């Protein structure tokens, strides 16, 4: 009986863990691309005129790291054309958290 329970728990844990982690290369590419895109957009945003490029870089670095940390191979595929509503929600949360911690907004 105990072995059946263990086997069942192993099967359940395998079934729920279907997210494939990004390879280090994919993660590095996503991190750089997200950071570069963020910085370009933040520098162009006229509401950020009072901030230095260093402050914006710190914010974008925080955002890119948070964004990259939650992405999987499957989520990259799902978001390749446009961000899904779930990803947009997470991105908004990261933005607020990073702004609060790095820009004191």
C-alpha atoms as a PDB file:
ATOM      1  CA  UNK A   1       0.000   0.000   0.000  1.00  0.00           C
ATOM      2  CA  UNK A   2       2.788   2.399   0.908  1.00  0.00           C
ATOM      3  CA  UNK A   3       4.546   1.771  -2.418  1.00  0.00           C
ATOM      4  CA  UNK A   4       1.340   2.490  -4.343  1.00  0.00           C
ATOM      5  CA  UNK A   5       0.958   5.796  -2.523  1.00  0.00           C
ATOM      6  CA  UNK A   6       4.555   6.758  -3.246  1.00  0.00           C
ATOM      7  CA  UNK A   7       4.178   5.802  -6.901  1.00  0.00           C
ATOM      8  CA  UNK A   8       0.968   7.808  -7.174  1.00  0.00           C
ATOM      9  CA  UNK A   9       2.584  10.879  -5.586  1.00  0.00           C
ATOM     10  CA  UNK A  10       5.525  10.621  -7.979  1.00  0.00           C
ATOM     11  CA  UNK A  11       3.169  10.444 -10.953  1.00  0.00           C
ATOM     12  CA  UNK A  12       1.175  13.432  -9.725  1.00  0.00           C
ATOM     13  CA  UNK A  13       4.285  15.510  -9.193  1.00  0.00           C
ATOM     14  CA  UNK A  14       5.545  14.659 -12.676  1.00  0.00           C
ATOM     15  CA  UNK A  15       2.211  15.497 -14.258  1.00  0.00           C
ATOM     16  CA  UNK A  16       2.023  18.931 -12.654  1.00  0.00           C
ATOM     17  CA  UNK A  17       5.647  19.863 -13.400  1.00  0.00           C
ATOM     18  CA  UNK A  18       5.268  20.325 -17.141  1.00  0.00           C
ATOM     19  CA  UNK A  19       6.978  23.713 -17.468  1.00  0.00           C
ATOM     20  CA  UNK A  20      10.319  23.486 -19.227  1.00  0.00           C
ATOM     21  CA  UNK A  21      12.976  25.802 -17.837  1.00  0.00           C
ATOM     22  CA  UNK A  22      14.799  28.076 -20.244  1.00  0.00           C
ATOM     23  CA  UNK A  23      18.310  27.073 -21.211  1.00  0.00           C
ATOM     24  CA  UNK A  24      21.013  29.418 -19.908  1.00  0.00           C
ATOM     25  CA  UNK A  25      21.469  30.706 -23.465  1.00  0.00           C
ATOM     26  CA  UNK A  26      17.749  31.436 -23.938  1.00  0.00           C
ATOM     27  CA  UNK A  27      17.567  33.037 -20.514  1.00  0.00           C
ATOM     28  CA  UNK A  28      20.546  35.307 -21.274  1.00  0.00           C
ATOM     29  CA  UNK A  29      19.073  36.288 -24.647  1.00  0.00           C
ATOM     30  CA  UNK A  30      15.665  37.037 -23.135  1.00  0.00           C
ATOM     31  CA  UNK A  31      17.218  39.014 -20.277  1.00  0.00           C
ATOM     32  CA  UNK A  32      19.309  41.169 -22.631  1.00  0.00           C
ATOM     33  CA  UNK A  33      16.466  41.697 -25.097  1.00  0.00           C
ATOM     34  CA  UNK A  34      13.980  42.619 -22.371  1.00  0.00           C
ATOM     35  CA  UNK A  35      16.453  44.961 -20.690  1.00  0.00           C
ATOM     36  CA  UNK A  36      17.433  46.672 -23.968  1.00  0.00           C
ATOM     37  CA  UNK A  37      13.826  47.089 -25.081  1.00  0.00           C
ATOM     38  CA  UNK A  38      12.788  48.411 -21.679  1.00  0.00           C
ATOM     39  CA  UNK A  39      15.608  50.944 -21.556  1.00  0.00           C
ATOM     40  CA  UNK A  40      14.892  52.158 -25.088  1.00  0.00           C
ATOM     41  CA  UNK A  41      11.200  52.650 -24.266  1.00  0.00           C
ATOM     42  CA  UNK A  42      11.843  54.281 -20.895  1.00  0.00           C
ATOM     43  CA  UNK A  43      14.360  56.757 -22.316  1.00  0.00           C
ATOM     44  CA  UNK A  44      11.844  57.783 -24.999  1.00  0.00           C
ATOM     45  CA  UNK A  45       9.022  58.226 -22.465  1.00  0.00           C
ATOM     46  CA  UNK A  46       8.711  61.974 -21.805  1.00  0.00           C
ATOM     47  CA  UNK A  47       7.396  61.345 -18.289  1.00  0.00           C
ATOM     48  CA  UNK A  48      10.866  60.014 -17.394  1.00  0.00           C
ATOM     49  CA  UNK A  49      12.775  63.199 -18.320  1.00  0.00           C
ATOM     50  CA  UNK A  50      13.722  63.899 -14.695  1.00  0.00           C
ATOM     51  CA  UNK A  51      15.365  60.474 -14.324  1.00  0.00           C
ATOM     52  CA  UNK A  52      18.907  59.601 -15.230  1.00  0.00           C
ATOM     53  CA  UNK A  53      19.778  56.816 -17.635  1.00  0.00           C
ATOM     54  CA  UNK A  54      21.340  55.047 -14.645  1.00  0.00           C
ATOM     55  CA  UNK A  55      18.042  55.120 -12.740  1.00  0.00           C
ATOM     56  CA  UNK A  56      16.168  53.847 -15.779  1.00  0.00           C
ATOM     57  CA  UNK A  57      18.772  51.124 -16.328  1.00  0.00           C
ATOM     58  CA  UNK A  58      18.367  49.986 -12.709  1.00  0.00           C
ATOM     59  CA  UNK A  59      14.590  49.829 -13.143  1.00  0.00           C
ATOM     60  CA  UNK A  60      14.875  47.932 -16.446  1.00  0.00           C
ATOM     61  CA  UNK A  61      17.411  45.514 -14.990  1.00  0.00           C
ATOM     62  CA  UNK A  62      15.008  44.736 -12.130  1.00  0.00           C
ATOM     63  CA  UNK A  63      12.100  44.327 -14.549  1.00  0.00           C
ATOM     64  CA  UNK A  64      14.035  42.148 -17.010  1.00  0.00           C
ATOM     65  CA  UNK A  65      15.282  39.845 -14.247  1.00  0.00           C
ATOM     66  CA  UNK A  66      11.781  39.430 -12.792  1.00  0.00           C
ATOM     67  CA  UNK A  67      10.248  38.853 -16.233  1.00  0.00           C
ATOM     68  CA  UNK A  68      12.900  36.340 -17.258  1.00  0.00           C
ATOM     69  CA  UNK A  69      12.608  34.452 -13.964  1.00  0.00           C
ATOM     70  CA  UNK A  70       8.983  33.473 -14.618  1.00  0.00           C
ATOM     71  CA  UNK A  71       9.321  32.599 -18.289  1.00  0.00           C
ATOM     72  CA  UNK A  72       9.473  28.995 -19.466  1.00  0.00           C
ATOM     73  CA  UNK A  73       9.901  27.493 -22.915  1.00  0.00           C
ATOM     74  CA  UNK A  74       6.129  27.049 -23.081  1.00  0.00           C
ATOM     75  CA  UNK A  75       5.393  30.632 -22.026  1.00  0.00           C
ATOM     76  CA  UNK A  76       7.854  31.976 -24.587  1.00  0.00           C
ATOM     77  CA  UNK A  77       5.979  30.081 -27.267  1.00  0.00           C
ATOM     78  CA  UNK A  78       2.612  31.320 -26.001  1.00  0.00           C
ATOM     79  CA  UNK A  79       3.863  34.933 -25.961  1.00  0.00           C
ATOM     80  CA  UNK A  80       5.822  34.963 -29.223  1.00  0.00           C
ATOM     81  CA  UNK A  81       3.345  37.146 -31.159  1.00  0.00           C
ATOM     82  CA  UNK A  82       1.921  39.204 -28.289  1.00  0.00           C
ATOM     83  CA  UNK A  83       1.854  38.975 -24.521  1.00  0.00           C
ATOM     84  CA  UNK A  84      -0.955  36.874 -23.111  1.00  0.00           C
ATOM     85  CA  UNK A  85      -3.297  38.472 -20.542  1.00  0.00           C
ATOM     86  CA  UNK A  86      -1.606  36.482 -17.764  1.00  0.00           C
ATOM     87  CA  UNK A  87       1.854  37.635 -18.842  1.00  0.00           C
ATOM     88  CA  UNK A  88       0.641  41.243 -19.156  1.00  0.00           C
ATOM     89  CA  UNK A  89      -0.678  41.042 -15.602  1.00  0.00           C
ATOM     90  CA  UNK A  90       2.639  39.694 -14.308  1.00  0.00           C
ATOM     91  CA  UNK A  91       4.553  42.333 -16.287  1.00  0.00           C
ATOM     92  CA  UNK A  92       2.437  45.055 -14.681  1.00  0.00           C
ATOM     93  CA  UNK A  93       3.175  43.656 -11.247  1.00  0.00           C
ATOM     94  CA  UNK A  94       6.926  43.536 -11.979  1.00  0.00           C
ATOM     95  CA  UNK A  95       6.805  47.084 -13.264  1.00  0.00           C
ATOM     96  CA  UNK A  96       5.152  48.369 -10.082  1.00  0.00           C
ATOM     97  CA  UNK A  97       7.500  46.423  -7.812  1.00  0.00           C
ATOM     98  CA  UNK A  98      10.604  47.544  -9.676  1.00  0.00           C
ATOM     99  CA  UNK A  99       9.463  51.164  -9.849  1.00  0.00           C
ATOM    100  CA  UNK A 100       8.778  51.153  -6.109  1.00  0.00           C
ATOM    101  CA  UNK A 101      12.139  49.635  -5.244  1.00  0.00           C
ATOM    102  CA  UNK A 102      14.395  51.354  -7.781  1.00  0.00           C
ATOM    103  CA  UNK A 103      12.717  54.651  -8.659  1.00  0.00           C
ATOM    104  CA  UNK A 104      10.962  55.242  -5.331  1.00  0.00           C
ATOM    105  CA  UNK A 105       7.616  55.722  -7.107  1.00  0.00           C
END
